[in-house]
Structure formats: C-alpha cells, structure tokens
Amino acid sequence: MIQRLLSRHPDVWVPREETNFFPRFYPKFKRLIVDGKKGEAARALSDIPLVRKWDVEVESNEIKSTDPVRAYAEAIDALMMKKARTEGKIRWGEKTPAYVFSIGLLSGMFPDARFLFLVRDGRDVCLSLSQLDWGPNNAYGAARHWAKVYQEWRASSSTLGDRAMQLRYEDFLTEPEF
C-alpha cells in the first residue's frame, strides 16, 4: 500500500519489493571494489534476481569511485535511476523498513536523500508482525520490536535536520500529499 501511494507522485519511483540492497549485498560489492574489480561488482549487482526482473544493469563505467561506500552509492543510484526512468520518473525512493538501522550509512551515501518515517499504531504493527514468518511470535515481542525501531528512528533522525520527516501512517493513508 505504501509503495502504491508513494509511486503516485509524478516524479518518484519506488519498487514494490523491499530491496535489502544494503545489508544483503554491500559486503560482496565492497570486497570486489577493494580488489579493484569494478566490472565484477557491477555484474554482481546486475545479477541480483530483483534487478534482473527490472531489466536494468549497472555498467562498470558508472562506478567512478574507488571508495567502497561511495562506489556502492553510485552503483545503487545508477540502478535505481535507470529503473525510475523506465517508469517515466526522475527520482527514486526505497521502502525497506530495516534501513532504519542504517540511516547513518545511507545519509552519508546519499547526502541529498530525504527520510520519511511512518509511525503506525503499535497494535496494527503487532498484528502485522505476527503474520510474518520471521516476526515475533507474541504481542510482547512485537511491541518490543516496534519500540526498538521507533527509538532507532528518533536517535538517527535527530542528525538529519530537515531531511527527516515523520508522519502517522493513518494520516498518510488518508492524506498522502505531504
């Protein structure tokens, strides 16, 4: 639902899926960049099943930096912008909830990025989490997870200034123009 609302913006493309690009693929990419293998790094990203489904590729010449963090930002931006352009959009967004634990890294990688945090009613979060294979198996565990995520956001967002925005999920659903 959030992806559909965000993608209604005339300029912004957001993938339906959570990409998990940062926790899942960065370590391999970093090793390849450190070893001077930009071509292999570009191919590794382009070979991610989700990216193959998008039918876009990163070219090695799009990775300019030899710094692994900067190089990864260049590669991800190249991928996402290519896909955004195929959808007629000029910007891209992400909606992977686990990224709340990587805001410092993402903020450094993408200095122009804006961060939107949707605060959802804790009871609804508990219900949603209980339906996931990996989620907590009781209300107490779900509530603890919700609190941990929110605390991380509060700590991280304080460093972002006007690049951070927090909205109530329910308000966003009823009035997505913010």
Foldseek 3Di string as FASTA:
>chain_A
DVQVLVCVPQAEHEDPDAPPCPPPPLVVLLVCLLVVNLQVSQVVVCPDVVNVVLVDTFHSVQQDDSHSLLSSLSSVQRSQCVSSVVVVHRYYDHDNLVCLQVLVSVCVNCVPAAEEAAQEPLVVQLVVQCPDPPRDVDSVRSSVVSVVSVVSNVVNVVVVPPSYDYYHPVVCVVPVPD
